[in-house]
Amino acid sequence: MFRRSPPLTLEESIGLQIRRRRRRLGLNQCELARKSSISTSAMSKIENGRMSATIGSLKSVAEALDVPINLLFMPLSADPVAAGSSGQSSTRFG
């Protein structure tokens, strides 16, 4: 029998979106932090869901990743790139 993982917090989901997009662009945390004008430590905490980023910080990160800020708030399976062409989501925030 499989144990269900608890639902992701908003911070964890945002962090996973950022990490996924950063890796897709071939950037490391340091490079993204520099492009976003935030500290490497803060970037690490944001990606790991241990820090609630300000809207200003998320805007800077989204710009550095060349994505609209609203994509950072999408559940992972609702990401059209990750979900394929359908873009349908079965993931819900808890």
PDB file of N, CA and C in Angstrom:
ATOM      1  N   MET A   1       0.840  -1.172   0.000  1.00  0.00           N
ATOM      2  CA  MET A   1       0.000   0.000   0.000  1.00  0.00           C
ATOM      3  C   MET A   1       0.891   1.243   0.000  1.00  0.00           C
ATOM      4  N   PHE A   2       0.522   2.232  -0.821  1.00  0.00           N
ATOM      5  CA  PHE A   2       1.306   3.456  -0.916  1.00  0.00           C
ATOM      6  C   PHE A   2       0.792   4.488   0.070  1.00  0.00           C
ATOM      7  N   ARG A   3       1.730   5.198   0.678  1.00  0.00           N
ATOM      8  CA  ARG A   3       1.349   6.306   1.555  1.00  0.00           C
ATOM      9  C   ARG A   3       1.315   7.562   0.717  1.00  0.00           C
ATOM     10  N   ARG A   4       0.280   8.313   0.852  1.00  0.00           N
ATOM     11  CA  ARG A   4       0.170   9.579   0.147  1.00  0.00           C
ATOM     12  C   ARG A   4       1.034  10.614   0.823  1.00  0.00           C
ATOM     13  N   SER A   5       1.758  11.344   0.020  1.00  0.00           N
ATOM     14  CA  SER A   5       2.532  12.459   0.560  1.00  0.00           C
ATOM     15  C   SER A   5       1.572  13.581   0.902  1.00  0.00           C
ATOM     16  N   PRO A   6       1.897  14.339   1.937  1.00  0.00           N
ATOM     17  CA  PRO A   6       1.034  15.485   2.237  1.00  0.00           C
ATOM     18  C   PRO A   6       1.097  16.483   1.083  1.00  0.00           C
ATOM     19  N   PRO A   7       0.032  17.248   0.873  1.00  0.00           N
ATOM     20  CA  PRO A   7       0.044  18.219  -0.217  1.00  0.00           C
ATOM     21  C   PRO A   7       1.173  19.237  -0.015  1.00  0.00           C
ATOM     22  N   LEU A   8       1.681  19.728  -1.110  1.00  0.00           N
ATOM     23  CA  LEU A   8       2.737  20.736  -1.042  1.00  0.00           C
ATOM     24  C   LEU A   8       2.171  22.044  -0.506  1.00  0.00           C
ATOM     25  N   THR A   9       2.985  22.751   0.257  1.00  0.00           N
ATOM     26  CA  THR A   9       2.609  24.105   0.645  1.00  0.00           C
ATOM     27  C   THR A   9       2.795  24.993  -0.577  1.00  0.00           C
ATOM     28  N   LEU A  10       2.237  26.172  -0.538  1.00  0.00           N
ATOM     29  CA  LEU A  10       2.409  27.115  -1.638  1.00  0.00           C
ATOM     30  C   LEU A  10       3.889  27.418  -1.842  1.00  0.00           C
ATOM     31  N   GLU A  11       4.620  27.608  -0.747  1.00  0.00           N
ATOM     32  CA  GLU A  11       6.052  27.904  -0.839  1.00  0.00           C
ATOM     33  C   GLU A  11       6.822  26.760  -1.502  1.00  0.00           C
ATOM     34  N   GLU A  12       6.480  25.524  -1.146  1.00  0.00           N
ATOM     35  CA  GLU A  12       7.156  24.370  -1.746  1.00  0.00           C
ATOM     36  C   GLU A  12       6.857  24.262  -3.238  1.00  0.00           C
ATOM     37  N   SER A  13       5.615  24.498  -3.605  1.00  0.00           N
ATOM     38  CA  SER A  13       5.220  24.422  -5.010  1.00  0.00           C
ATOM     39  C   SER A  13       5.932  25.500  -5.829  1.00  0.00           C
ATOM     40  N   ILE A  14       5.975  26.718  -5.317  1.00  0.00           N
ATOM     41  CA  ILE A  14       6.679  27.806  -6.004  1.00  0.00           C
ATOM     42  C   ILE A  14       8.156  27.455  -6.139  1.00  0.00           C
ATOM     43  N   GLY A  15       8.742  26.954  -5.067  1.00  0.00           N
ATOM     44  CA  GLY A  15      10.157  26.584  -5.096  1.00  0.00           C
ATOM     45  C   GLY A  15      10.456  25.523  -6.133  1.00  0.00           C
ATOM     46  N   LEU A  16       9.579  24.530  -6.239  1.00  0.00           N
ATOM     47  CA  LEU A  16       9.774  23.476  -7.237  1.00  0.00           C
ATOM     48  C   LEU A  16       9.636  24.025  -8.658  1.00  0.00           C
ATOM     49  N   GLN A  17       8.696  24.946  -8.864  1.00  0.00           N
ATOM     50  CA  GLN A  17       8.551  25.573 -10.183  1.00  0.00           C
ATOM     51  C   GLN A  17       9.821  26.332 -10.552  1.00  0.00           C
ATOM     52  N   ILE A  18      10.341  27.086  -9.597  1.00  0.00           N
ATOM     53  CA  ILE A  18      11.561  27.857  -9.850  1.00  0.00           C
ATOM     54  C   ILE A  18      12.717  26.919 -10.169  1.00  0.00           C
ATOM     55  N   ARG A  19      12.893  25.877  -9.362  1.00  0.00           N
ATOM     56  CA  ARG A  19      13.999  24.936  -9.590  1.00  0.00           C
ATOM     57  C   ARG A  19      13.885  24.274 -10.963  1.00  0.00           C
ATOM     58  N   ARG A  20      12.682  23.828 -11.297  1.00  0.00           N
ATOM     59  CA  ARG A  20      12.467  23.165 -12.591  1.00  0.00           C
ATOM     60  C   ARG A  20      12.833  24.097 -13.742  1.00  0.00           C
ATOM     61  N   ARG A  21      12.391  25.319 -13.701  1.00  0.00           N
ATOM     62  CA  ARG A  21      12.663  26.272 -14.778  1.00  0.00           C
ATOM     63  C   ARG A  21      14.133  26.676 -14.810  1.00  0.00           C
ATOM     64  N   ARG A  22      14.727  26.837 -13.636  1.00  0.00           N
ATOM     65  CA  ARG A  22      16.155  27.179 -13.561  1.00  0.00           C
ATOM     66  C   ARG A  22      16.986  26.087 -14.209  1.00  0.00           C
ATOM     67  N   ARG A  23      16.697  24.855 -13.873  1.00  0.00           N
ATOM     68  CA  ARG A  23      17.454  23.735 -14.437  1.00  0.00           C
ATOM     69  C   ARG A  23      17.232  23.624 -15.942  1.00  0.00           C
ATOM     70  N   ARG A  24      16.006  23.871 -16.381  1.00  0.00           N
ATOM     71  CA  ARG A  24      15.698  23.831 -17.811  1.00  0.00           C
ATOM     72  C   ARG A  24      16.550  24.847 -18.579  1.00  0.00           C
ATOM     73  N   LEU A  25      16.846  25.971 -17.924  1.00  0.00           N
ATOM     74  CA  LEU A  25      17.673  27.008 -18.552  1.00  0.00           C
ATOM     75  C   LEU A  25      19.173  26.755 -18.366  1.00  0.00           C
ATOM     76  N   GLY A  26      19.525  25.730 -17.593  1.00  0.00           N
ATOM     77  CA  GLY A  26      20.933  25.414 -17.366  1.00  0.00           C
ATOM     78  C   GLY A  26      21.627  26.375 -16.417  1.00  0.00           C
ATOM     79  N   LEU A  27      20.855  26.992 -15.524  1.00  0.00           N
ATOM     80  CA  LEU A  27      21.429  27.922 -14.546  1.00  0.00           C
ATOM     81  C   LEU A  27      21.619  27.222 -13.207  1.00  0.00           C
ATOM     82  N   ASN A  28      22.626  27.647 -12.452  1.00  0.00           N
ATOM     83  CA  ASN A  28      22.733  27.180 -11.084  1.00  0.00           C
ATOM     84  C   ASN A  28      22.077  28.216 -10.173  1.00  0.00           C
ATOM     85  N   GLN A  29      21.923  27.885  -8.889  1.00  0.00           N
ATOM     86  CA  GLN A  29      21.253  28.800  -7.956  1.00  0.00           C
ATOM     87  C   GLN A  29      21.959  30.142  -7.873  1.00  0.00           C
ATOM     88  N   CYS A  30      23.273  30.103  -7.866  1.00  0.00           N
ATOM     89  CA  CYS A  30      24.060  31.337  -7.766  1.00  0.00           C
ATOM     90  C   CYS A  30      23.772  32.267  -8.950  1.00  0.00           C
ATOM     91  N   GLU A  31      23.737  31.689 -10.135  1.00  0.00           N
ATOM     92  CA  GLU A  31      23.485  32.495 -11.336  1.00  0.00           C
ATOM     93  C   GLU A  31      22.086  33.097 -11.314  1.00  0.00           C
ATOM     94  N   LEU A  32      21.094  32.298 -10.932  1.00  0.00           N
ATOM     95  CA  LEU A  32      19.729  32.810 -10.874  1.00  0.00           C
ATOM     96  C   LEU A  32      19.602  33.875  -9.789  1.00  0.00           C
ATOM     97  N   ALA A  33      20.233  33.654  -8.658  1.00  0.00           N
ATOM     98  CA  ALA A  33      20.192  34.646  -7.578  1.00  0.00           C
ATOM     99  C   ALA A  33      20.785  35.971  -8.058  1.00  0.00           C
ATOM    100  N   ARG A  34      21.899  35.896  -8.738  1.00  0.00           N
ATOM    101  CA  ARG A  34      22.554  37.109  -9.256  1.00  0.00           C
ATOM    102  C   ARG A  34      21.642  37.820 -10.262  1.00  0.00           C
ATOM    103  N   LYS A  35      21.059  37.062 -11.190  1.00  0.00           N
ATOM    104  CA  LYS A  35      20.171  37.653 -12.197  1.00  0.00           C
ATOM    105  C   LYS A  35      18.918  38.248 -11.561  1.00  0.00           C
ATOM    106  N   SER A  36      18.524  37.712 -10.408  1.00  0.00           N
ATOM    107  CA  SER A  36      17.310  38.155  -9.719  1.00  0.00           C
ATOM    108  C   SER A  36      17.588  39.223  -8.668  1.00  0.00           C
ATOM    109  N   SER A  37      18.861  39.508  -8.437  1.00  0.00           N
ATOM    110  CA  SER A  37      19.271  40.486  -7.420  1.00  0.00           C
ATOM    111  C   SER A  37      18.819  40.101  -6.019  1.00  0.00           C
ATOM    112  N   ILE A  38      18.885  38.797  -5.716  1.00  0.00           N
ATOM    113  CA  ILE A  38      18.646  38.343  -4.348  1.00  0.00           C
ATOM    114  C   ILE A  38      19.834  37.476  -3.925  1.00  0.00           C
ATOM    115  N   SER A  39      19.963  37.246  -2.642  1.00  0.00           N
ATOM    116  CA  SER A  39      21.117  36.479  -2.157  1.00  0.00           C
ATOM    117  C   SER A  39      20.992  35.010  -2.525  1.00  0.00           C
ATOM    118  N   THR A  40      22.134  34.353  -2.625  1.00  0.00           N
ATOM    119  CA  THR A  40      22.153  32.918  -2.907  1.00  0.00           C
ATOM    120  C   THR A  40      21.454  32.152  -1.796  1.00  0.00           C
ATOM    121  N   SER A  41      21.648  32.590  -0.567  1.00  0.00           N
ATOM    122  CA  SER A  41      21.003  31.944   0.581  1.00  0.00           C
ATOM    123  C   SER A  41      19.483  32.043   0.475  1.00  0.00           C
ATOM    124  N   ALA A  42      18.986  33.228   0.122  1.00  0.00           N
ATOM    125  CA  ALA A  42      17.537  33.410  -0.032  1.00  0.00           C
ATOM    126  C   ALA A  42      17.011  32.542  -1.174  1.00  0.00           C
ATOM    127  N   MET A  43      17.764  32.466  -2.273  1.00  0.00           N
ATOM    128  CA  MET A  43      17.329  31.640  -3.412  1.00  0.00           C
ATOM    129  C   MET A  43      17.211  30.180  -2.991  1.00  0.00           C
ATOM    130  N   SER A  44      18.186  29.707  -2.234  1.00  0.00           N
ATOM    131  CA  SER A  44      18.152  28.328  -1.752  1.00  0.00           C
ATOM    132  C   SER A  44      16.919  28.089  -0.885  1.00  0.00           C
ATOM    133  N   LYS A  45      16.647  29.010   0.020  1.00  0.00           N
ATOM    134  CA  LYS A  45      15.493  28.869   0.913  1.00  0.00           C
ATOM    135  C   LYS A  45      14.178  28.915   0.140  1.00  0.00           C
ATOM    136  N   ILE A  46      14.097  29.774  -0.870  1.00  0.00           N
ATOM    137  CA  ILE A  46      12.884  29.864  -1.689  1.00  0.00           C
ATOM    138  C   ILE A  46      12.673  28.553  -2.439  1.00  0.00           C
ATOM    139  N   GLU A  47      13.737  28.051  -3.082  1.00  0.00           N
ATOM    140  CA  GLU A  47      13.618  26.807  -3.853  1.00  0.00           C
ATOM    141  C   GLU A  47      13.250  25.616  -2.977  1.00  0.00           C
ATOM    142  N   ASN A  48      13.670  25.637  -1.731  1.00  0.00           N
ATOM    143  CA  ASN A  48      13.391  24.522  -0.832  1.00  0.00           C
ATOM    144  C   ASN A  48      12.107  24.713  -0.022  1.00  0.00           C
ATOM    145  N   GLY A  49      11.366  25.787  -0.309  1.00  0.00           N
ATOM    146  CA  GLY A  49      10.097  26.031   0.368  1.00  0.00           C
ATOM    147  C   GLY A  49      10.239  26.418   1.817  1.00  0.00           C
ATOM    148  N   ARG A  50      11.424  26.881   2.205  1.00  0.00           N
ATOM    149  CA  ARG A  50      11.657  27.249   3.609  1.00  0.00           C
ATOM    150  C   ARG A  50      11.523  28.743   3.838  1.00  0.00           C
ATOM    151  N   MET A  51      11.173  29.491   2.789  1.00  0.00           N
ATOM    152  CA  MET A  51      11.044  30.942   2.929  1.00  0.00           C
ATOM    153  C   MET A  51       9.930  31.425   2.017  1.00  0.00           C
ATOM    154  N   SER A  52       9.080  32.281   2.546  1.00  0.00           N
ATOM    155  CA  SER A  52       8.062  32.923   1.718  1.00  0.00           C
ATOM    156  C   SER A  52       8.699  34.132   1.059  1.00  0.00           C
ATOM    157  N   ALA A  53       8.802  34.086  -0.247  1.00  0.00           N
ATOM    158  CA  ALA A  53       9.402  35.196  -0.983  1.00  0.00           C
ATOM    159  C   ALA A  53       8.395  36.329  -1.120  1.00  0.00           C
ATOM    160  N   THR A  54       8.902  37.543  -1.180  1.00  0.00           N
ATOM    161  CA  THR A  54       8.033  38.688  -1.427  1.00  0.00           C
ATOM    162  C   THR A  54       7.597  38.661  -2.891  1.00  0.00           C
ATOM    163  N   ILE A  55       6.524  39.361  -3.179  1.00  0.00           N
ATOM    164  CA  ILE A  55       6.067  39.463  -4.569  1.00  0.00           C
ATOM    165  C   ILE A  55       7.166  40.107  -5.415  1.00  0.00           C
ATOM    166  N   GLY A  56       7.857  41.085  -4.855  1.00  0.00           N
ATOM    167  CA  GLY A  56       8.947  41.732  -5.590  1.00  0.00           C
ATOM    168  C   GLY A  56      10.052  40.752  -5.947  1.00  0.00           C
ATOM    169  N   SER A  57      10.411  39.889  -5.002  1.00  0.00           N
ATOM    170  CA  SER A  57      11.441  38.879  -5.271  1.00  0.00           C
ATOM    171  C   SER A  57      10.963  37.883  -6.321  1.00  0.00           C
ATOM    172  N   LEU A  58       9.714  37.440  -6.207  1.00  0.00           N
ATOM    173  CA  LEU A  58       9.180  36.494  -7.188  1.00  0.00           C
ATOM    174  C   LEU A  58       9.107  37.124  -8.574  1.00  0.00           C
ATOM    175  N   LYS A  59       8.798  38.417  -8.629  1.00  0.00           N
ATOM    176  CA  LYS A  59       8.766  39.127  -9.914  1.00  0.00           C
ATOM    177  C   LYS A  59      10.156  39.134 -10.529  1.00  0.00           C
ATOM    178  N   SER A  60      11.179  39.413  -9.716  1.00  0.00           N
ATOM    179  CA  SER A  60      12.557  39.420 -10.209  1.00  0.00           C
ATOM    180  C   SER A  60      12.990  38.042 -10.685  1.00  0.00           C
ATOM    181  N   VAL A  61      12.612  37.001  -9.939  1.00  0.00           N
ATOM    182  CA  VAL A  61      12.966  35.633 -10.316  1.00  0.00           C
ATOM    183  C   VAL A  61      12.263  35.266 -11.619  1.00  0.00           C
ATOM    184  N   ALA A  62      10.979  35.593 -11.721  1.00  0.00           N
ATOM    185  CA  ALA A  62      10.223  35.284 -12.941  1.00  0.00           C
ATOM    186  C   ALA A  62      10.847  35.981 -14.151  1.00  0.00           C
ATOM    187  N   GLU A  63      11.240  37.219 -13.986  1.00  0.00           N
ATOM    188  CA  GLU A  63      11.892  37.942 -15.084  1.00  0.00           C
ATOM    189  C   GLU A  63      13.207  37.276 -15.465  1.00  0.00           C
ATOM    190  N   ALA A  64      13.985  36.866 -14.471  1.00  0.00           N
ATOM    191  CA  ALA A  64      15.259  36.200 -14.744  1.00  0.00           C
ATOM    192  C   ALA A  64      15.047  34.864 -15.450  1.00  0.00           C
ATOM    193  N   LEU A  65      13.922  34.199 -15.142  1.00  0.00           N
ATOM    194  CA  LEU A  65      13.596  32.915 -15.776  1.00  0.00           C
ATOM    195  C   LEU A  65      12.841  33.100 -17.090  1.00  0.00           C
ATOM    196  N   ASP A  66      12.510  34.356 -17.406  1.00  0.00           N
ATOM    197  CA  ASP A  66      11.783  34.700 -18.629  1.00  0.00           C
ATOM    198  C   ASP A  66      10.426  33.995 -18.700  1.00  0.00           C
ATOM    199  N   VAL A  67       9.691  34.052 -17.575  1.00  0.00           N
ATOM    200  CA  VAL A  67       8.333  33.506 -17.520  1.00  0.00           C
ATOM    201  C   VAL A  67       7.437  34.526 -16.827  1.00  0.00           C
ATOM    202  N   PRO A  68       6.139  34.508 -17.123  1.00  0.00           N
ATOM    203  CA  PRO A  68       5.213  35.373 -16.385  1.00  0.00           C
ATOM    204  C   PRO A  68       5.150  34.908 -14.926  1.00  0.00           C
ATOM    205  N   ILE A  69       5.011  35.835 -14.015  1.00  0.00           N
ATOM    206  CA  ILE A  69       5.018  35.497 -12.582  1.00  0.00           C
ATOM    207  C   ILE A  69       3.909  34.506 -12.230  1.00  0.00           C
ATOM    208  N   ASN A  70       2.766  34.563 -12.913  1.00  0.00           N
ATOM    209  CA  ASN A  70       1.663  33.660 -12.552  1.00  0.00           C
ATOM    210  C   ASN A  70       2.035  32.189 -12.758  1.00  0.00           C
ATOM    211  N   LEU A  71       2.981  31.885 -13.627  1.00  0.00           N
ATOM    212  CA  LEU A  71       3.370  30.487 -13.815  1.00  0.00           C
ATOM    213  C   LEU A  71       4.048  29.903 -12.579  1.00  0.00           C
ATOM    214  N   LEU A  72       4.639  30.758 -11.753  1.00  0.00           N
ATOM    215  CA  LEU A  72       5.275  30.256 -10.532  1.00  0.00           C
ATOM    216  C   LEU A  72       4.236  29.751  -9.530  1.00  0.00           C
ATOM    217  N   PHE A  73       2.990  30.197  -9.672  1.00  0.00           N
ATOM    218  CA  PHE A  73       1.933  29.825  -8.736  1.00  0.00           C
ATOM    219  C   PHE A  73       1.115  28.627  -9.211  1.00  0.00           C
ATOM    220  N   MET A  74       1.418  28.116 -10.393  1.00  0.00           N
ATOM    221  CA  MET A  74       0.662  26.979 -10.929  1.00  0.00           C
ATOM    222  C   MET A  74       1.101  25.689 -10.256  1.00  0.00           C
ATOM    223  N   PRO A  75       0.148  24.809  -9.931  1.00  0.00           N
ATOM    224  CA  PRO A  75       0.552  23.488  -9.440  1.00  0.00           C
ATOM    225  C   PRO A  75       1.413  22.819 -10.503  1.00  0.00           C
ATOM    226  N   LEU A  76       2.356  22.009 -10.080  1.00  0.00           N
ATOM    227  CA  LEU A  76       3.316  21.429 -11.016  1.00  0.00           C
ATOM    228  C   LEU A  76       2.665  20.710 -12.169  1.00  0.00           C
ATOM    229  N   SER A  77       1.645  19.912 -11.946  1.00  0.00           N
ATOM    230  CA  SER A  77       1.040  19.180 -13.044  1.00  0.00           C
ATOM    231  C   SER A  77       0.180  20.071 -13.929  1.00  0.00           C
ATOM    232  N   ALA A  78      -0.104  21.311 -13.486  1.00  0.00           N
ATOM    233  CA  ALA A  78      -0.866  22.241 -14.308  1.00  0.00           C
ATOM    234  C   ALA A  78       0.042  23.033 -15.229  1.00  0.00           C
ATOM    235  N   ASP A  79       1.342  22.882 -15.073  1.00  0.00           N
ATOM    236  CA  ASP A  79       2.304  23.547 -15.934  1.00  0.00           C
ATOM    237  C   ASP A  79       2.147  22.954 -17.328  1.00  0.00           C
ATOM    238  N   PRO A  80       1.727  23.753 -18.330  1.00  0.00           N
ATOM    239  CA  PRO A  80       1.487  23.204 -19.665  1.00  0.00           C
ATOM    240  C   PRO A  80       2.706  22.484 -20.247  1.00  0.00           C
ATOM    241  N   VAL A  81       3.887  22.936 -19.946  1.00  0.00           N
ATOM    242  CA  VAL A  81       5.089  22.281 -20.456  1.00  0.00           C
ATOM    243  C   VAL A  81       5.268  20.925 -19.789  1.00  0.00           C
ATOM    244  N   ALA A  82       5.035  20.850 -18.476  1.00  0.00           N
ATOM    245  CA  ALA A  82       5.214  19.605 -17.738  1.00  0.00           C
ATOM    246  C   ALA A  82       4.069  18.631 -17.992  1.00  0.00           C
ATOM    247  N   ALA A  83       2.872  19.166 -18.204  1.00  0.00           N
ATOM    248  CA  ALA A  83       1.695  18.307 -18.333  1.00  0.00           C
ATOM    249  C   ALA A  83       1.447  17.848 -19.759  1.00  0.00           C
ATOM    250  N   GLY A  84       2.224  18.323 -20.697  1.00  0.00           N
ATOM    251  CA  GLY A  84       1.982  17.980 -22.089  1.00  0.00           C
ATOM    252  C   GLY A  84       0.996  18.959 -22.697  1.00  0.00           C
ATOM    253  N   SER A  85       0.415  18.612 -23.798  1.00  0.00           N
ATOM    254  CA  SER A  85      -0.433  19.556 -24.523  1.00  0.00           C
ATOM    255  C   SER A  85      -1.784  19.802 -23.859  1.00  0.00           C
ATOM    256  N   SER A  86      -2.257  18.876 -23.042  1.00  0.00           N
ATOM    257  CA  SER A  86      -3.591  19.042 -22.464  1.00  0.00           C
ATOM    258  C   SER A  86      -3.621  20.110 -21.385  1.00  0.00           C
ATOM    259  N   GLY A  87      -2.535  20.215 -20.595  1.00  0.00           N
ATOM    260  CA  GLY A  87      -2.475  21.200 -19.526  1.00  0.00           C
ATOM    261  C   GLY A  87      -3.438  20.922 -18.393  1.00  0.00           C
ATOM    262  N   GLN A  88      -4.048  19.733 -18.355  1.00  0.00           N
ATOM    263  CA  GLN A  88      -4.996  19.419 -17.309  1.00  0.00           C
ATOM    264  C   GLN A  88      -4.265  19.129 -16.007  1.00  0.00           C
ATOM    265  N   SER A  89      -4.890  19.495 -14.922  1.00  0.00           N
ATOM    266  CA  SER A  89      -4.267  19.344 -13.614  1.00  0.00           C
ATOM    267  C   SER A  89      -5.055  18.410 -12.730  1.00  0.00           C
ATOM    268  N   SER A  90      -4.329  17.559 -12.021  1.00  0.00           N
ATOM    269  CA  SER A  90      -4.986  16.758 -11.002  1.00  0.00           C
ATOM    270  C   SER A  90      -4.410  17.086  -9.633  1.00  0.00           C
ATOM    271  N   THR A  91      -3.457  18.018  -9.572  1.00  0.00           N
ATOM    272  CA  THR A  91      -2.823  18.406  -8.322  1.00  0.00           C
ATOM    273  C   THR A  91      -3.605  19.547  -7.701  1.00  0.00           C
ATOM    274  N   ARG A  92      -3.811  19.469  -6.401  1.00  0.00           N
ATOM    275  CA  ARG A  92      -4.503  20.529  -5.675  1.00  0.00           C
ATOM    276  C   ARG A  92      -3.661  20.942  -4.499  1.00  0.00           C
ATOM    277  N   PHE A  93      -3.730  22.222  -4.185  1.00  0.00           N
ATOM    278  CA  PHE A  93      -3.076  22.703  -2.967  1.00  0.00           C
ATOM    279  C   PHE A  93      -3.949  22.342  -1.802  1.00  0.00           C
ATOM    280  N   GLY A  94      -3.286  21.923  -0.702  1.00  0.00           N
ATOM    281  CA  GLY A  94      -3.951  21.384   0.438  1.00  0.00           C
ATOM    282  C   GLY A  94      -4.779  22.246   1.235  1.00  0.00           C
TER     283      GLY A  94
END
